[in-house]
Amino acid sequence: WLPVWIGSTLGMVAADAIAIVLGAVLGKKLPERAIR
């Protein structure tokens, strides 16, 4: 369980970090209403 817990958390955060970077870049160019 321990390496699976650590590894699954790291894998999830790594995949979502990609989306976070894209969201942060695109968010500066999108109006708040469109985002909502």
PDB file of all heavy atoms in Angstrom:
ATOM      1  N   TRP A   1       0.797  -1.227   0.000  1.00  0.00           N
ATOM      2  CA  TRP A   1       0.000   0.000   0.000  1.00  0.00           C
ATOM      3  C   TRP A   1       0.833   1.281   0.000  1.00  0.00           C
ATOM      4  O   TRP A   1       0.448   2.255  -0.638  1.00  0.00           O
ATOM      5  CB  TRP A   1      -0.964   0.013   1.187  1.00  0.00           C
ATOM      6  CG  TRP A   1      -0.302   0.195   2.525  1.00  0.00           C
ATOM      7  CD1 TRP A   1       0.171  -0.781   3.347  1.00  0.00           C
ATOM      8  CD2 TRP A   1      -0.019   1.436   3.172  1.00  0.00           C
ATOM      9  NE1 TRP A   1       0.724  -0.232   4.477  1.00  0.00           N
ATOM     10  CE2 TRP A   1       0.619   1.134   4.398  1.00  0.00           C
ATOM     11  CE3 TRP A   1      -0.237   2.775   2.844  1.00  0.00           C
ATOM     12  CZ2 TRP A   1       1.044   2.121   5.283  1.00  0.00           C
ATOM     13  CZ3 TRP A   1       0.176   3.760   3.726  1.00  0.00           C
ATOM     14  CH2 TRP A   1       0.801   3.433   4.936  1.00  0.00           C
ATOM     15  N   LEU A   2       1.958   1.331   0.693  1.00  0.00           N
ATOM     16  CA  LEU A   2       2.709   2.579   0.823  1.00  0.00           C
ATOM     17  C   LEU A   2       3.263   3.090  -0.509  1.00  0.00           C
ATOM     18  O   LEU A   2       3.020   4.247  -0.872  1.00  0.00           O
ATOM     19  CB  LEU A   2       3.814   2.441   1.864  1.00  0.00           C
ATOM     20  CG  LEU A   2       4.616   3.717   2.147  1.00  0.00           C
ATOM     21  CD1 LEU A   2       3.702   4.841   2.642  1.00  0.00           C
ATOM     22  CD2 LEU A   2       5.720   3.440   3.166  1.00  0.00           C
ATOM     23  N   PRO A   3       3.977   2.276  -1.290  1.00  0.00           N
ATOM     24  CA  PRO A   3       4.456   2.804  -2.573  1.00  0.00           C
ATOM     25  C   PRO A   3       3.322   3.099  -3.551  1.00  0.00           C
ATOM     26  O   PRO A   3       3.428   4.022  -4.368  1.00  0.00           O
ATOM     27  CB  PRO A   3       5.386   1.710  -3.100  1.00  0.00           C
ATOM     28  CG  PRO A   3       5.012   0.482  -2.374  1.00  0.00           C
ATOM     29  CD  PRO A   3       4.490   0.912  -1.045  1.00  0.00           C
ATOM     30  N   VAL A   4       2.232   2.352  -3.448  1.00  0.00           N
ATOM     31  CA  VAL A   4       1.086   2.611  -4.326  1.00  0.00           C
ATOM     32  C   VAL A   4       0.445   3.949  -3.959  1.00  0.00           C
ATOM     33  O   VAL A   4       0.100   4.743  -4.837  1.00  0.00           O
ATOM     34  CB  VAL A   4       0.054   1.462  -4.257  1.00  0.00           C
ATOM     35  CG1 VAL A   4      -1.224   1.829  -4.999  1.00  0.00           C
ATOM     36  CG2 VAL A   4       0.651   0.185  -4.818  1.00  0.00           C
ATOM     37  N   TRP A   5       0.327   4.217  -2.674  1.00  0.00           N
ATOM     38  CA  TRP A   5      -0.251   5.491  -2.234  1.00  0.00           C
ATOM     39  C   TRP A   5       0.608   6.674  -2.691  1.00  0.00           C
ATOM     40  O   TRP A   5       0.119   7.628  -3.277  1.00  0.00           O
ATOM     41  CB  TRP A   5      -0.405   5.487  -0.710  1.00  0.00           C
ATOM     42  CG  TRP A   5      -0.942   6.760  -0.141  1.00  0.00           C
ATOM     43  CD1 TRP A   5      -2.046   7.454  -0.566  1.00  0.00           C
ATOM     44  CD2 TRP A   5      -0.398   7.496   0.954  1.00  0.00           C
ATOM     45  NE1 TRP A   5      -2.225   8.573   0.211  1.00  0.00           N
ATOM     46  CE2 TRP A   5      -1.225   8.626   1.156  1.00  0.00           C
ATOM     47  CE3 TRP A   5       0.697   7.316   1.789  1.00  0.00           C
ATOM     48  CZ2 TRP A   5      -0.979   9.564   2.153  1.00  0.00           C
ATOM     49  CZ3 TRP A   5       0.929   8.243   2.789  1.00  0.00           C
ATOM     50  CH2 TRP A   5       0.102   9.346   2.960  1.00  0.00           C
ATOM     51  N   ILE A   6       1.908   6.575  -2.446  1.00  0.00           N
ATOM     52  CA  ILE A   6       2.819   7.653  -2.849  1.00  0.00           C
ATOM     53  C   ILE A   6       2.840   7.804  -4.374  1.00  0.00           C
ATOM     54  O   ILE A   6       2.711   8.910  -4.905  1.00  0.00           O
ATOM     55  CB  ILE A   6       4.247   7.391  -2.312  1.00  0.00           C
ATOM     56  CG1 ILE A   6       4.257   7.448  -0.779  1.00  0.00           C
ATOM     57  CG2 ILE A   6       5.234   8.403  -2.894  1.00  0.00           C
ATOM     58  CD1 ILE A   6       5.553   6.926  -0.158  1.00  0.00           C
ATOM     59  N   GLY A   7       2.983   6.695  -5.072  1.00  0.00           N
ATOM     60  CA  GLY A   7       3.070   6.729  -6.534  1.00  0.00           C
ATOM     61  C   GLY A   7       1.801   7.220  -7.194  1.00  0.00           C
ATOM     62  O   GLY A   7       1.854   8.012  -8.147  1.00  0.00           O
ATOM     63  N   SER A   8       0.645   6.777  -6.702  1.00  0.00           N
ATOM     64  CA  SER A   8      -0.617   7.215  -7.314  1.00  0.00           C
ATOM     65  C   SER A   8      -0.844   8.708  -7.092  1.00  0.00           C
ATOM     66  O   SER A   8      -1.329   9.405  -7.980  1.00  0.00           O
ATOM     67  CB  SER A   8      -1.794   6.400  -6.772  1.00  0.00           C
ATOM     68  OG  SER A   8      -1.979   6.621  -5.390  1.00  0.00           O
ATOM     69  N   THR A   9      -0.447   9.196  -5.926  1.00  0.00           N
ATOM     70  CA  THR A   9      -0.575  10.636  -5.655  1.00  0.00           C
ATOM     71  C   THR A   9       0.356  11.426  -6.564  1.00  0.00           C
ATOM     72  O   THR A   9      -0.048  12.436  -7.158  1.00  0.00           O
ATOM     73  CB  THR A   9      -0.289  10.926  -4.168  1.00  0.00           C
ATOM     74  OG1 THR A   9      -1.211  10.177  -3.363  1.00  0.00           O
ATOM     75  CG2 THR A   9      -0.441  12.399  -3.855  1.00  0.00           C
ATOM     76  N   LEU A  10       1.596  10.981  -6.710  1.00  0.00           N
ATOM     77  CA  LEU A  10       2.548  11.665  -7.584  1.00  0.00           C
ATOM     78  C   LEU A  10       2.093  11.647  -9.048  1.00  0.00           C
ATOM     79  O   LEU A  10       2.193  12.657  -9.748  1.00  0.00           O
ATOM     80  CB  LEU A  10       3.934  11.030  -7.463  1.00  0.00           C
ATOM     81  CG  LEU A  10       4.675  11.235  -6.144  1.00  0.00           C
ATOM     82  CD1 LEU A  10       5.976  10.429  -6.128  1.00  0.00           C
ATOM     83  CD2 LEU A  10       4.952  12.708  -5.905  1.00  0.00           C
ATOM     84  N   GLY A  11       1.589  10.502  -9.505  1.00  0.00           N
ATOM     85  CA  GLY A  11       1.115  10.393 -10.889  1.00  0.00           C
ATOM     86  C   GLY A  11      -0.052  11.316 -11.173  1.00  0.00           C
ATOM     87  O   GLY A  11      -0.116  11.963 -12.222  1.00  0.00           O
ATOM     88  N   MET A  12      -0.960  11.410 -10.214  1.00  0.00           N
ATOM     89  CA  MET A  12      -2.127  12.279 -10.364  1.00  0.00           C
ATOM     90  C   MET A  12      -1.715  13.751 -10.406  1.00  0.00           C
ATOM     91  O   MET A  12      -2.166  14.510 -11.265  1.00  0.00           O
ATOM     92  CB  MET A  12      -3.071  12.036  -9.182  1.00  0.00           C
ATOM     93  CG  MET A  12      -4.325  12.840  -9.236  1.00  0.00           C
ATOM     94  SD  MET A  12      -5.489  11.988 -10.272  1.00  0.00           S
ATOM     95  CE  MET A  12      -6.980  12.733  -9.682  1.00  0.00           C
ATOM     96  N   VAL A  13      -0.867  14.146  -9.468  1.00  0.00           N
ATOM     97  CA  VAL A  13      -0.430  15.542  -9.413  1.00  0.00           C
ATOM     98  C   VAL A  13       0.361  15.918 -10.672  1.00  0.00           C
ATOM     99  O   VAL A  13       0.191  17.005 -11.218  1.00  0.00           O
ATOM    100  CB  VAL A  13       0.375  15.814  -8.126  1.00  0.00           C
ATOM    101  CG1 VAL A  13       0.997  17.202  -8.139  1.00  0.00           C
ATOM    102  CG2 VAL A  13      -0.518  15.654  -6.892  1.00  0.00           C
ATOM    103  N   ALA A  14       1.185  15.010 -11.160  1.00  0.00           N
ATOM    104  CA  ALA A  14       1.958  15.289 -12.377  1.00  0.00           C
ATOM    105  C   ALA A  14       1.034  15.497 -13.579  1.00  0.00           C
ATOM    106  O   ALA A  14       1.222  16.442 -14.359  1.00  0.00           O
ATOM    107  CB  ALA A  14       2.939  14.150 -12.653  1.00  0.00           C
ATOM    108  N   ALA A  15       0.021  14.638 -13.719  1.00  0.00           N
ATOM    109  CA  ALA A  15      -0.905  14.776 -14.847  1.00  0.00           C
ATOM    110  C   ALA A  15      -1.718  16.058 -14.736  1.00  0.00           C
ATOM    111  O   ALA A  15      -1.937  16.763 -15.730  1.00  0.00           O
ATOM    112  CB  ALA A  15      -1.832  13.565 -14.913  1.00  0.00           C
ATOM    113  N   ASP A  16      -2.159  16.385 -13.524  1.00  0.00           N
ATOM    114  CA  ASP A  16      -2.966  17.589 -13.347  1.00  0.00           C
ATOM    115  C   ASP A  16      -2.135  18.861 -13.417  1.00  0.00           C
ATOM    116  O   ASP A  16      -2.664  19.931 -13.747  1.00  0.00           O
ATOM    117  CB  ASP A  16      -3.744  17.518 -12.032  1.00  0.00           C
ATOM    118  CG  ASP A  16      -4.882  16.511 -12.108  1.00  0.00           C
ATOM    119  OD1 ASP A  16      -5.382  16.272 -13.223  1.00  0.00           O
ATOM    120  OD2 ASP A  16      -5.270  15.966 -11.065  1.00  0.00           O
ATOM    121  N   ALA A  17      -0.838  18.769 -13.119  1.00  0.00           N
ATOM    122  CA  ALA A  17       0.036  19.942 -13.238  1.00  0.00           C
ATOM    123  C   ALA A  17       0.077  20.426 -14.687  1.00  0.00           C
ATOM    124  O   ALA A  17       0.128  21.639 -14.944  1.00  0.00           O
ATOM    125  CB  ALA A  17       1.441  19.621 -12.734  1.00  0.00           C
ATOM    126  N   ILE A  18       0.020  19.499 -15.615  1.00  0.00           N
ATOM    127  CA  ILE A  18      -0.030  19.853 -17.035  1.00  0.00           C
ATOM    128  C   ILE A  18      -1.277  20.692 -17.308  1.00  0.00           C
ATOM    129  O   ILE A  18      -1.215  21.745 -17.950  1.00  0.00           O
ATOM    130  CB  ILE A  18      -0.005  18.588 -17.925  1.00  0.00           C
ATOM    131  CG1 ILE A  18       1.340  17.877 -17.781  1.00  0.00           C
ATOM    132  CG2 ILE A  18      -0.308  18.938 -19.382  1.00  0.00           C
ATOM    133  CD1 ILE A  18       1.366  16.481 -18.384  1.00  0.00           C
ATOM    134  N   ALA A  19      -2.424  20.256 -16.782  1.00  0.00           N
ATOM    135  CA  ALA A  19      -3.680  20.984 -16.976  1.00  0.00           C
ATOM    136  C   ALA A  19      -3.650  22.333 -16.267  1.00  0.00           C
ATOM    137  O   ALA A  19      -4.201  23.323 -16.774  1.00  0.00           O
ATOM    138  CB  ALA A  19      -4.849  20.144 -16.469  1.00  0.00           C
ATOM    139  N   ILE A  20      -3.014  22.388 -15.110  1.00  0.00           N
ATOM    140  CA  ILE A  20      -2.931  23.642 -14.346  1.00  0.00           C
ATOM    141  C   ILE A  20      -2.143  24.692 -15.122  1.00  0.00           C
ATOM    142  O   ILE A  20      -2.544  25.850 -15.206  1.00  0.00           O
ATOM    143  CB  ILE A  20      -2.321  23.390 -12.957  1.00  0.00           C
ATOM    144  CG1 ILE A  20      -3.305  22.591 -12.104  1.00  0.00           C
ATOM    145  CG2 ILE A  20      -1.941  24.686 -12.260  1.00  0.00           C
ATOM    146  CD1 ILE A  20      -2.701  22.006 -10.847  1.00  0.00           C
ATOM    147  N   VAL A  21      -1.033  24.269 -15.708  1.00  0.00           N
ATOM    148  CA  VAL A  21      -0.215  25.203 -16.499  1.00  0.00           C
ATOM    149  C   VAL A  21      -1.021  25.715 -17.693  1.00  0.00           C
ATOM    150  O   VAL A  21      -1.049  26.921 -17.964  1.00  0.00           O
ATOM    151  CB  VAL A  21       1.100  24.528 -16.953  1.00  0.00           C
ATOM    152  CG1 VAL A  21       1.813  25.373 -17.988  1.00  0.00           C
ATOM    153  CG2 VAL A  21       1.996  24.268 -15.754  1.00  0.00           C
ATOM    154  N   LEU A  22      -1.705  24.820 -18.395  1.00  0.00           N
ATOM    155  CA  LEU A  22      -2.530  25.244 -19.530  1.00  0.00           C
ATOM    156  C   LEU A  22      -3.641  26.178 -19.079  1.00  0.00           C
ATOM    157  O   LEU A  22      -3.917  27.185 -19.729  1.00  0.00           O
ATOM    158  CB  LEU A  22      -3.128  24.022 -20.237  1.00  0.00           C
ATOM    159  CG  LEU A  22      -2.157  23.179 -21.051  1.00  0.00           C
ATOM    160  CD1 LEU A  22      -2.869  21.937 -21.587  1.00  0.00           C
ATOM    161  CD2 LEU A  22      -1.566  23.980 -22.195  1.00  0.00           C
ATOM    162  N   GLY A  23      -4.298  25.845 -17.946  1.00  0.00           N
ATOM    163  CA  GLY A  23      -5.375  26.696 -17.436  1.00  0.00           C
ATOM    164  C   GLY A  23      -4.881  28.068 -17.036  1.00  0.00           C
ATOM    165  O   GLY A  23      -5.546  29.076 -17.288  1.00  0.00           O
ATOM    166  N   ALA A  24      -3.713  28.123 -16.406  1.00  0.00           N
ATOM    167  CA  ALA A  24      -3.153  29.407 -15.990  1.00  0.00           C
ATOM    168  C   ALA A  24      -2.802  30.276 -17.200  1.00  0.00           C
ATOM    169  O   ALA A  24      -3.045  31.479 -17.203  1.00  0.00           O
ATOM    170  CB  ALA A  24      -1.917  29.182 -15.117  1.00  0.00           C
ATOM    171  N   VAL A  25      -2.277  29.666 -18.258  1.00  0.00           N
ATOM    172  CA  VAL A  25      -1.908  30.410 -19.465  1.00  0.00           C
ATOM    173  C   VAL A  25      -3.161  30.872 -20.215  1.00  0.00           C
ATOM    174  O   VAL A  25      -3.279  32.033 -20.587  1.00  0.00           O
ATOM    175  CB  VAL A  25      -1.010  29.550 -20.383  1.00  0.00           C
ATOM    176  CG1 VAL A  25      -0.838  30.200 -21.747  1.00  0.00           C
ATOM    177  CG2 VAL A  25       0.332  29.316 -19.722  1.00  0.00           C
ATOM    178  N   LEU A  26      -4.117  29.964 -20.405  1.00  0.00           N
ATOM    179  CA  LEU A  26      -5.321  30.317 -21.144  1.00  0.00           C
ATOM    180  C   LEU A  26      -6.219  31.257 -20.353  1.00  0.00           C
ATOM    181  O   LEU A  26      -6.910  32.088 -20.917  1.00  0.00           O
ATOM    182  CB  LEU A  26      -6.117  29.051 -21.504  1.00  0.00           C
ATOM    183  CG  LEU A  26      -5.451  28.114 -22.504  1.00  0.00           C
ATOM    184  CD1 LEU A  26      -6.294  26.863 -22.687  1.00  0.00           C
ATOM    185  CD2 LEU A  26      -5.236  28.813 -23.831  1.00  0.00           C
ATOM    186  N   GLY A  27      -6.211  31.118 -19.015  1.00  0.00           N
ATOM    187  CA  GLY A  27      -7.091  31.917 -18.173  1.00  0.00           C
ATOM    188  C   GLY A  27      -6.827  33.401 -18.270  1.00  0.00           C
ATOM    189  O   GLY A  27      -7.730  34.208 -18.076  1.00  0.00           O
ATOM    190  N   LYS A  28      -5.620  33.786 -18.532  1.00  0.00           N
ATOM    191  CA  LYS A  28      -5.288  35.201 -18.651  1.00  0.00           C
ATOM    192  C   LYS A  28      -5.862  35.805 -19.928  1.00  0.00           C
ATOM    193  O   LYS A  28      -5.961  37.009 -20.057  1.00  0.00           O
ATOM    194  CB  LYS A  28      -3.770  35.375 -18.616  1.00  0.00           C
ATOM    195  CG  LYS A  28      -3.152  35.048 -17.270  1.00  0.00           C
ATOM    196  CD  LYS A  28      -1.662  35.154 -17.353  1.00  0.00           C
ATOM    197  CE  LYS A  28      -0.920  34.914 -16.075  1.00  0.00           C
ATOM    198  NZ  LYS A  28      -1.414  34.067 -15.089  1.00  0.00           N
ATOM    199  N   LYS A  29      -6.272  34.965 -20.866  1.00  0.00           N
ATOM    200  CA  LYS A  29      -6.776  35.446 -22.140  1.00  0.00           C
ATOM    201  C   LYS A  29      -8.291  35.276 -22.265  1.00  0.00           C
ATOM    202  O   LYS A  29      -8.872  35.681 -23.257  1.00  0.00           O
ATOM    203  CB  LYS A  29      -6.079  34.689 -23.268  1.00  0.00           C
ATOM    204  CG  LYS A  29      -4.578  34.946 -23.330  1.00  0.00           C
ATOM    205  CD  LYS A  29      -3.976  34.104 -24.419  1.00  0.00           C
ATOM    206  CE  LYS A  29      -2.538  34.242 -24.685  1.00  0.00           C
ATOM    207  NZ  LYS A  29      -1.559  34.617 -23.848  1.00  0.00           N
ATOM    208  N   LEU A  30      -8.922  34.642 -21.293  1.00  0.00           N
ATOM    209  CA  LEU A  30     -10.355  34.380 -21.360  1.00  0.00           C
ATOM    210  C   LEU A  30     -11.123  35.306 -20.424  1.00  0.00           C
ATOM    211  O   LEU A  30     -10.693  35.558 -19.307  1.00  0.00           O
ATOM    212  CB  LEU A  30     -10.644  32.922 -20.957  1.00  0.00           C
ATOM    213  CG  LEU A  30     -10.098  31.831 -21.856  1.00  0.00           C
ATOM    214  CD1 LEU A  30     -10.361  30.470 -21.246  1.00  0.00           C
ATOM    215  CD2 LEU A  30     -10.739  31.911 -23.234  1.00  0.00           C
ATOM    216  N   PRO A  31     -12.294  35.793 -20.859  1.00  0.00           N
ATOM    217  CA  PRO A  31     -13.115  36.617 -19.970  1.00  0.00           C
ATOM    218  C   PRO A  31     -13.714  35.765 -18.848  1.00  0.00           C
ATOM    219  O   PRO A  31     -13.954  34.566 -19.028  1.00  0.00           O
ATOM    220  CB  PRO A  31     -14.210  37.175 -20.892  1.00  0.00           C
ATOM    221  CG  PRO A  31     -14.232  36.283 -22.077  1.00  0.00           C
ATOM    222  CD  PRO A  31     -12.862  35.674 -22.199  1.00  0.00           C
ATOM    223  N   GLU A  32     -13.973  36.408 -17.689  1.00  0.00           N
ATOM    224  CA  GLU A  32     -14.469  35.672 -16.519  1.00  0.00           C
ATOM    225  C   GLU A  32     -15.778  34.950 -16.810  1.00  0.00           C
ATOM    226  O   GLU A  32     -15.991  33.834 -16.362  1.00  0.00           O
ATOM    227  CB  GLU A  32     -14.650  36.639 -15.353  1.00  0.00           C
ATOM    228  CG  GLU A  32     -15.028  35.930 -14.067  1.00  0.00           C
ATOM    229  CD  GLU A  32     -15.125  36.884 -12.899  1.00  0.00           C
ATOM    230  OE1 GLU A  32     -14.461  37.934 -12.927  1.00  0.00           O
ATOM    231  OE2 GLU A  32     -15.859  36.559 -11.964  1.00  0.00           O
ATOM    232  N   ARG A  33     -16.665  35.583 -17.571  1.00  0.00           N
ATOM    233  CA  ARG A  33     -17.949  34.951 -17.894  1.00  0.00           C
ATOM    234  C   ARG A  33     -17.741  33.658 -18.680  1.00  0.00           C
ATOM    235  O   ARG A  33     -18.387  32.646 -18.419  1.00  0.00           O
ATOM    236  CB  ARG A  33     -18.825  35.923 -18.679  1.00  0.00           C
ATOM    237  CG  ARG A  33     -20.179  35.366 -19.056  1.00  0.00           C
ATOM    238  CD  ARG A  33     -21.065  36.467 -19.648  1.00  0.00           C
ATOM    239  NE  ARG A  33     -22.227  35.954 -20.329  1.00  0.00           N
ATOM    240  CZ  ARG A  33     -23.307  35.493 -19.741  1.00  0.00           C
ATOM    241  NH1 ARG A  33     -23.367  35.459 -18.429  1.00  0.00           N
ATOM    242  NH2 ARG A  33     -24.326  35.051 -20.446  1.00  0.00           N
ATOM    243  N   ALA A  34     -16.837  33.676 -19.647  1.00  0.00           N
ATOM    244  CA  ALA A  34     -16.550  32.471 -20.434  1.00  0.00           C
ATOM    245  C   ALA A  34     -15.981  31.373 -19.548  1.00  0.00           C
ATOM    246  O   ALA A  34     -16.325  30.196 -19.704  1.00  0.00           O
ATOM    247  CB  ALA A  34     -15.581  32.802 -21.565  1.00  0.00           C
ATOM    248  N   ILE A  35     -15.135  31.748 -18.607  1.00  0.00           N
ATOM    249  CA  ILE A  35     -14.556  30.768 -17.683  1.00  0.00           C
ATOM    250  C   ILE A  35     -15.649  30.155 -16.820  1.00  0.00           C
ATOM    251  O   ILE A  35     -15.714  28.942 -16.625  1.00  0.00           O
ATOM    252  CB  ILE A  35     -13.465  31.425 -16.813  1.00  0.00           C
ATOM    253  CG1 ILE A  35     -12.284  31.828 -17.689  1.00  0.00           C
ATOM    254  CG2 ILE A  35     -13.012  30.487 -15.699  1.00  0.00           C
ATOM    255  CD1 ILE A  35     -11.302  32.737 -16.995  1.00  0.00           C
ATOM    256  N   ARG A  36     -16.545  31.014 -16.299  1.00  0.00           N
ATOM    257  CA  ARG A  36     -17.621  30.537 -15.427  1.00  0.00           C
ATOM    258  C   ARG A  36     -18.547  29.594 -16.188  1.00  0.00           C
ATOM    259  O   ARG A  36     -18.913  28.531 -15.702  1.00  0.00           O
ATOM    260  CB  ARG A  36     -18.400  31.729 -14.865  1.00  0.00           C
ATOM    261  CG  ARG A  36     -19.420  31.326 -13.838  1.00  0.00           C
ATOM    262  CD  ARG A  36     -19.934  32.491 -13.022  1.00  0.00           C
ATOM    263  NE  ARG A  36     -20.157  33.706 -13.764  1.00  0.00           N
ATOM    264  CZ  ARG A  36     -21.357  34.178 -14.111  1.00  0.00           C
ATOM    265  NH1 ARG A  36     -22.443  33.517 -13.770  1.00  0.00           N
ATOM    266  NH2 ARG A  36     -21.462  35.308 -14.761  1.00  0.00           N
TER     267      ARG A  36
END
